[in-house]
Amino acid sequence: KQWYQRRVRGEIKKTGCAVGIPRQELGTLNVHNELEDLVAEFVGKEAAIVFGMGFATNSLNVPTLVDEGCLLISDSLNHSCIILGARLSGAQIAVFKHNDLDDLEKVLKRSI
């Protein structure tokens, strides 16, 4: 067998083979922690969070970052996955008109 076939099989045995599944389903693996440490070091920060791409990213992770004690300021044209995540979080949501800085300022003054 080629060296890369053995390596791929070894990695699959070690970490599994699931593409696009959120951590909430399969948990955090060492490779996730290694990637986040590397990203944090690269950007010069204490820590970093890395998310996969997809609908579940926003809809499932927004509620882990904010809750009913928080305020989310949301663009009116945000994707439905962001809107769902915001609603699932229980946070207060204030919406401003898409790309309208004047309306954003009004919403901020009204909400804070």
N, C-alpha and C. Protein backbone atom coordinates (compact mmCIF):
# COMPACT_ATOMS: atom_id res chain seq x y z
N LYS A 1 0.84 -1.20 0.00
CA LYS A 1 0.00 0.00 0.00
C LYS A 1 0.87 1.24 0.00
N GLN A 2 0.33 2.28 -0.58
CA GLN A 2 1.03 3.56 -0.59
C GLN A 2 1.04 4.14 0.82
N TRP A 3 2.05 4.95 1.12
CA TRP A 3 2.19 5.54 2.45
C TRP A 3 0.98 6.40 2.81
N TYR A 4 0.44 7.13 1.84
CA TYR A 4 -0.68 8.02 2.13
C TYR A 4 -1.95 7.24 2.45
N GLN A 5 -2.14 6.06 1.86
CA GLN A 5 -3.31 5.24 2.18
C GLN A 5 -3.26 4.80 3.65
N ARG A 6 -2.09 4.38 4.09
CA ARG A 6 -1.94 3.97 5.49
C ARG A 6 -2.19 5.16 6.42
N ARG A 7 -1.67 6.33 6.05
CA ARG A 7 -1.84 7.51 6.89
C ARG A 7 -3.31 7.93 6.96
N VAL A 8 -3.99 7.93 5.82
CA VAL A 8 -5.41 8.29 5.80
C VAL A 8 -6.22 7.31 6.63
N ARG A 9 -5.99 6.03 6.46
CA ARG A 9 -6.71 5.03 7.26
C ARG A 9 -6.45 5.22 8.75
N GLY A 10 -5.19 5.50 9.09
CA GLY A 10 -4.86 5.73 10.50
C GLY A 10 -5.59 6.93 11.07
N GLU A 11 -5.65 8.02 10.31
CA GLU A 11 -6.35 9.22 10.78
C GLU A 11 -7.85 8.97 10.92
N ILE A 12 -8.43 8.24 9.97
CA ILE A 12 -9.86 7.93 10.05
C ILE A 12 -10.14 7.08 11.28
N LYS A 13 -9.29 6.13 11.58
CA LYS A 13 -9.47 5.31 12.78
C LYS A 13 -9.35 6.16 14.04
N LYS A 14 -8.45 7.14 14.01
CA LYS A 14 -8.21 7.98 15.18
C LYS A 14 -9.31 9.03 15.38
N THR A 15 -9.73 9.70 14.30
CA THR A 15 -10.65 10.83 14.46
C THR A 15 -12.03 10.61 13.86
N GLY A 16 -12.22 9.53 13.12
CA GLY A 16 -13.50 9.31 12.47
C GLY A 16 -13.55 10.00 11.12
N CYS A 17 -14.65 9.83 10.44
CA CYS A 17 -14.79 10.41 9.11
C CYS A 17 -16.19 10.99 8.99
N ALA A 18 -16.32 12.25 9.38
CA ALA A 18 -17.60 12.93 9.31
C ALA A 18 -17.35 14.35 8.83
N VAL A 19 -17.87 14.70 7.70
CA VAL A 19 -17.66 16.02 7.13
C VAL A 19 -18.88 16.88 7.41
N GLY A 20 -18.64 18.06 7.97
CA GLY A 20 -19.72 19.03 8.14
C GLY A 20 -20.62 18.78 9.33
N ILE A 21 -20.25 17.92 10.23
CA ILE A 21 -21.09 17.67 11.40
C ILE A 21 -20.64 18.57 12.54
N PRO A 22 -21.57 19.27 13.18
CA PRO A 22 -21.17 20.20 14.24
C PRO A 22 -20.63 19.46 15.47
N ARG A 23 -19.80 20.16 16.22
CA ARG A 23 -19.23 19.58 17.44
C ARG A 23 -20.30 19.19 18.45
N GLN A 24 -21.42 19.89 18.42
CA GLN A 24 -22.49 19.54 19.36
C GLN A 24 -22.93 18.10 19.16
N GLU A 25 -22.71 17.57 17.97
CA GLU A 25 -23.12 16.20 17.68
C GLU A 25 -22.02 15.19 17.99
N LEU A 26 -20.79 15.48 17.57
CA LEU A 26 -19.69 14.52 17.73
C LEU A 26 -18.68 14.91 18.79
N GLY A 27 -18.77 16.10 19.33
CA GLY A 27 -17.81 16.53 20.34
C GLY A 27 -16.58 17.18 19.74
N THR A 28 -15.71 17.64 20.61
CA THR A 28 -14.47 18.28 20.21
C THR A 28 -13.35 17.26 20.19
N LEU A 29 -12.61 17.25 19.11
CA LEU A 29 -11.48 16.33 18.96
C LEU A 29 -10.17 17.10 19.17
N ASN A 30 -9.10 16.36 19.37
CA ASN A 30 -7.79 17.00 19.53
C ASN A 30 -7.43 17.88 18.34
N VAL A 31 -7.82 17.46 17.13
CA VAL A 31 -7.50 18.27 15.96
C VAL A 31 -8.20 19.63 16.01
N HIS A 32 -9.39 19.70 16.61
CA HIS A 32 -10.08 20.99 16.77
C HIS A 32 -9.27 21.89 17.69
N ASN A 33 -8.84 21.34 18.83
CA ASN A 33 -8.06 22.12 19.78
C ASN A 33 -6.74 22.58 19.18
N GLU A 34 -6.08 21.70 18.43
CA GLU A 34 -4.82 22.06 17.79
C GLU A 34 -5.02 23.18 16.78
N LEU A 35 -6.09 23.11 16.00
CA LEU A 35 -6.38 24.15 15.01
C LEU A 35 -6.65 25.48 15.70
N GLU A 36 -7.46 25.47 16.75
CA GLU A 36 -7.79 26.71 17.45
C GLU A 36 -6.55 27.32 18.11
N ASP A 37 -5.68 26.49 18.67
CA ASP A 37 -4.44 26.99 19.25
C ASP A 37 -3.57 27.65 18.17
N LEU A 38 -3.50 27.01 17.02
CA LEU A 38 -2.70 27.54 15.91
C LEU A 38 -3.26 28.87 15.41
N VAL A 39 -4.59 28.95 15.27
CA VAL A 39 -5.22 30.20 14.83
C VAL A 39 -4.99 31.31 15.85
N ALA A 40 -5.16 31.00 17.13
CA ALA A 40 -4.94 32.00 18.18
C ALA A 40 -3.51 32.52 18.15
N GLU A 41 -2.57 31.61 18.00
CA GLU A 41 -1.16 32.02 17.92
C GLU A 41 -0.92 32.90 16.68
N PHE A 42 -1.51 32.50 15.57
CA PHE A 42 -1.33 33.23 14.32
C PHE A 42 -1.86 34.66 14.41
N VAL A 43 -3.02 34.84 15.04
CA VAL A 43 -3.61 36.19 15.13
C VAL A 43 -3.18 36.93 16.39
N GLY A 44 -2.34 36.27 17.22
CA GLY A 44 -1.81 36.93 18.40
C GLY A 44 -2.82 37.12 19.52
N LYS A 45 -3.72 36.16 19.67
CA LYS A 45 -4.74 36.23 20.71
C LYS A 45 -4.58 35.05 21.68
N GLU A 46 -5.20 35.19 22.84
CA GLU A 46 -5.13 34.14 23.86
C GLU A 46 -5.81 32.86 23.42
N ALA A 47 -6.92 33.01 22.71
CA ALA A 47 -7.70 31.84 22.30
C ALA A 47 -8.47 32.16 21.02
N ALA A 48 -8.94 31.13 20.36
CA ALA A 48 -9.74 31.29 19.14
C ALA A 48 -10.79 30.18 19.10
N ILE A 49 -11.88 30.45 18.41
CA ILE A 49 -12.92 29.45 18.16
C ILE A 49 -13.03 29.31 16.66
N VAL A 50 -13.00 28.08 16.17
CA VAL A 50 -13.12 27.81 14.75
C VAL A 50 -14.41 27.05 14.52
N PHE A 51 -15.20 27.53 13.56
CA PHE A 51 -16.46 26.90 13.22
C PHE A 51 -16.41 26.37 11.80
N GLY A 52 -17.04 25.24 11.59
CA GLY A 52 -17.23 24.75 10.23
C GLY A 52 -18.24 25.62 9.52
N MET A 53 -18.37 25.45 8.22
CA MET A 53 -19.28 26.28 7.46
C MET A 53 -20.59 25.55 7.23
N GLY A 54 -21.70 26.26 7.30
CA GLY A 54 -22.99 25.68 7.02
C GLY A 54 -24.08 26.26 7.88
N PHE A 55 -25.30 25.87 7.60
CA PHE A 55 -26.47 26.38 8.31
C PHE A 55 -26.34 26.16 9.81
N ALA A 56 -25.86 24.97 10.19
CA ALA A 56 -25.76 24.63 11.61
C ALA A 56 -24.77 25.51 12.35
N THR A 57 -23.78 26.06 11.64
CA THR A 57 -22.77 26.90 12.29
C THR A 57 -23.43 28.02 13.07
N ASN A 58 -24.25 28.80 12.42
CA ASN A 58 -24.88 29.93 13.09
C ASN A 58 -26.08 29.52 13.93
N SER A 59 -26.92 28.66 13.39
CA SER A 59 -28.14 28.33 14.12
C SER A 59 -27.86 27.59 15.42
N LEU A 60 -26.78 26.82 15.49
CA LEU A 60 -26.48 26.07 16.70
C LEU A 60 -25.42 26.73 17.58
N ASN A 61 -24.58 27.56 17.01
CA ASN A 61 -23.50 28.15 17.82
C ASN A 61 -23.85 29.52 18.39
N VAL A 62 -24.70 30.29 17.75
CA VAL A 62 -25.10 31.57 18.33
C VAL A 62 -25.66 31.36 19.74
N PRO A 63 -26.53 30.37 19.97
CA PRO A 63 -27.05 30.17 21.33
C PRO A 63 -25.99 29.75 22.36
N THR A 64 -24.83 29.28 21.92
CA THR A 64 -23.78 28.95 22.88
C THR A 64 -22.98 30.18 23.27
N LEU A 65 -23.09 31.26 22.50
CA LEU A 65 -22.34 32.48 22.77
C LEU A 65 -23.16 33.55 23.47
N VAL A 66 -24.47 33.55 23.27
CA VAL A 66 -25.35 34.55 23.89
C VAL A 66 -26.58 33.85 24.45
N ASP A 67 -27.24 34.51 25.41
CA ASP A 67 -28.46 33.94 25.99
C ASP A 67 -29.45 35.05 26.30
N GLU A 68 -30.44 34.75 27.14
CA GLU A 68 -31.51 35.71 27.40
C GLU A 68 -31.03 37.00 28.06
N GLY A 69 -29.83 37.02 28.58
CA GLY A 69 -29.31 38.24 29.18
C GLY A 69 -28.58 39.13 28.19
N CYS A 70 -28.61 38.79 26.92
CA CYS A 70 -27.82 39.52 25.91
C CYS A 70 -28.72 40.26 24.92
N LEU A 71 -28.10 41.19 24.22
CA LEU A 71 -28.76 41.93 23.14
C LEU A 71 -28.01 41.66 21.85
N LEU A 72 -28.72 41.24 20.83
CA LEU A 72 -28.15 41.06 19.49
C LEU A 72 -28.69 42.16 18.59
N ILE A 73 -27.80 42.85 17.92
CA ILE A 73 -28.19 43.85 16.93
C ILE A 73 -28.02 43.17 15.57
N SER A 74 -29.10 43.06 14.83
CA SER A 74 -29.12 42.22 13.63
C SER A 74 -29.52 42.99 12.39
N ASP A 75 -28.77 42.79 11.31
CA ASP A 75 -29.12 43.36 10.00
C ASP A 75 -30.41 42.70 9.51
N SER A 76 -31.30 43.47 8.94
CA SER A 76 -32.60 42.94 8.50
C SER A 76 -32.47 41.88 7.42
N LEU A 77 -31.36 41.84 6.71
CA LEU A 77 -31.19 40.84 5.65
C LEU A 77 -30.23 39.72 6.05
N ASN A 78 -30.02 39.50 7.35
CA ASN A 78 -29.19 38.38 7.77
C ASN A 78 -29.79 37.07 7.25
N HIS A 79 -28.93 36.11 7.01
CA HIS A 79 -29.36 34.80 6.53
C HIS A 79 -30.25 34.14 7.59
N SER A 80 -31.13 33.28 7.15
CA SER A 80 -32.07 32.62 8.06
C SER A 80 -31.37 31.81 9.14
N CYS A 81 -30.16 31.30 8.89
CA CYS A 81 -29.46 30.54 9.93
C CYS A 81 -29.05 31.45 11.08
N ILE A 82 -28.69 32.70 10.79
CA ILE A 82 -28.35 33.64 11.85
C ILE A 82 -29.60 34.04 12.62
N ILE A 83 -30.68 34.25 11.91
CA ILE A 83 -31.95 34.62 12.55
C ILE A 83 -32.43 33.48 13.46
N LEU A 84 -32.36 32.25 12.97
CA LEU A 84 -32.76 31.11 13.80
C LEU A 84 -31.88 31.00 15.03
N GLY A 85 -30.57 31.13 14.86
CA GLY A 85 -29.67 31.07 16.01
C GLY A 85 -29.98 32.14 17.03
N ALA A 86 -30.26 33.34 16.56
CA ALA A 86 -30.61 34.44 17.46
C ALA A 86 -31.89 34.11 18.23
N ARG A 87 -32.88 33.60 17.54
CA ARG A 87 -34.14 33.25 18.20
C ARG A 87 -33.96 32.11 19.20
N LEU A 88 -33.17 31.11 18.84
CA LEU A 88 -32.93 29.99 19.74
C LEU A 88 -32.17 30.41 21.00
N SER A 89 -31.40 31.48 20.89
CA SER A 89 -30.58 31.91 22.02
C SER A 89 -31.41 32.50 23.15
N GLY A 90 -32.57 33.03 22.83
CA GLY A 90 -33.38 33.69 23.84
C GLY A 90 -32.97 35.14 24.08
N ALA A 91 -31.94 35.61 23.39
CA ALA A 91 -31.47 36.98 23.54
C ALA A 91 -32.50 37.96 23.00
N GLN A 92 -32.42 39.19 23.50
CA GLN A 92 -33.24 40.26 22.93
C GLN A 92 -32.64 40.59 21.56
N ILE A 93 -33.48 40.76 20.57
CA ILE A 93 -33.01 41.03 19.21
C ILE A 93 -33.55 42.37 18.75
N ALA A 94 -32.64 43.22 18.29
CA ALA A 94 -33.02 44.51 17.72
C ALA A 94 -32.54 44.51 16.27
N VAL A 95 -33.45 44.81 15.35
CA VAL A 95 -33.15 44.73 13.93
C VAL A 95 -33.03 46.13 13.33
N PHE A 96 -31.99 46.32 12.51
CA PHE A 96 -31.85 47.58 11.79
C PHE A 96 -31.93 47.31 10.29
N LYS A 97 -32.29 48.37 9.53
CA LYS A 97 -32.42 48.24 8.08
C LYS A 97 -31.07 47.88 7.47
N HIS A 98 -31.11 47.04 6.47
CA HIS A 98 -29.90 46.53 5.83
C HIS A 98 -28.94 47.64 5.40
N ASN A 99 -27.72 47.55 5.92
CA ASN A 99 -26.63 48.47 5.56
C ASN A 99 -26.97 49.94 5.78
N ASP A 100 -27.87 50.22 6.69
CA ASP A 100 -28.31 51.59 6.95
C ASP A 100 -27.71 52.05 8.28
N LEU A 101 -26.61 52.79 8.23
CA LEU A 101 -25.93 53.20 9.45
C LEU A 101 -26.77 54.15 10.30
N ASP A 102 -27.59 54.99 9.66
CA ASP A 102 -28.46 55.88 10.42
C ASP A 102 -29.47 55.07 11.23
N ASP A 103 -30.06 54.06 10.60
CA ASP A 103 -31.02 53.22 11.32
C ASP A 103 -30.32 52.41 12.41
N LEU A 104 -29.11 51.94 12.13
CA LEU A 104 -28.34 51.21 13.15
C LEU A 104 -28.11 52.10 14.36
N GLU A 105 -27.75 53.35 14.12
CA GLU A 105 -27.53 54.28 15.24
C GLU A 105 -28.81 54.45 16.06
N LYS A 106 -29.96 54.59 15.39
CA LYS A 106 -31.23 54.72 16.09
C LYS A 106 -31.53 53.48 16.93
N VAL A 107 -31.31 52.30 16.34
CA VAL A 107 -31.56 51.05 17.06
C VAL A 107 -30.64 50.94 18.27
N LEU A 108 -29.38 51.30 18.10
CA LEU A 108 -28.45 51.25 19.23
C LEU A 108 -28.87 52.19 20.34
N LYS A 109 -29.24 53.43 20.00
CA LYS A 109 -29.67 54.41 21.01
C LYS A 109 -30.93 53.93 21.73
N ARG A 110 -31.85 53.33 20.99
CA ARG A 110 -33.11 52.84 21.56
C ARG A 110 -32.88 51.61 22.44
N SER A 111 -31.90 50.79 22.07
CA SER A 111 -31.74 49.48 22.71
C SER A 111 -30.79 49.48 23.91
N ILE A 112 -29.87 50.43 23.93
CA ILE A 112 -28.85 50.40 24.99
C ILE A 112 -29.15 51.43 26.04
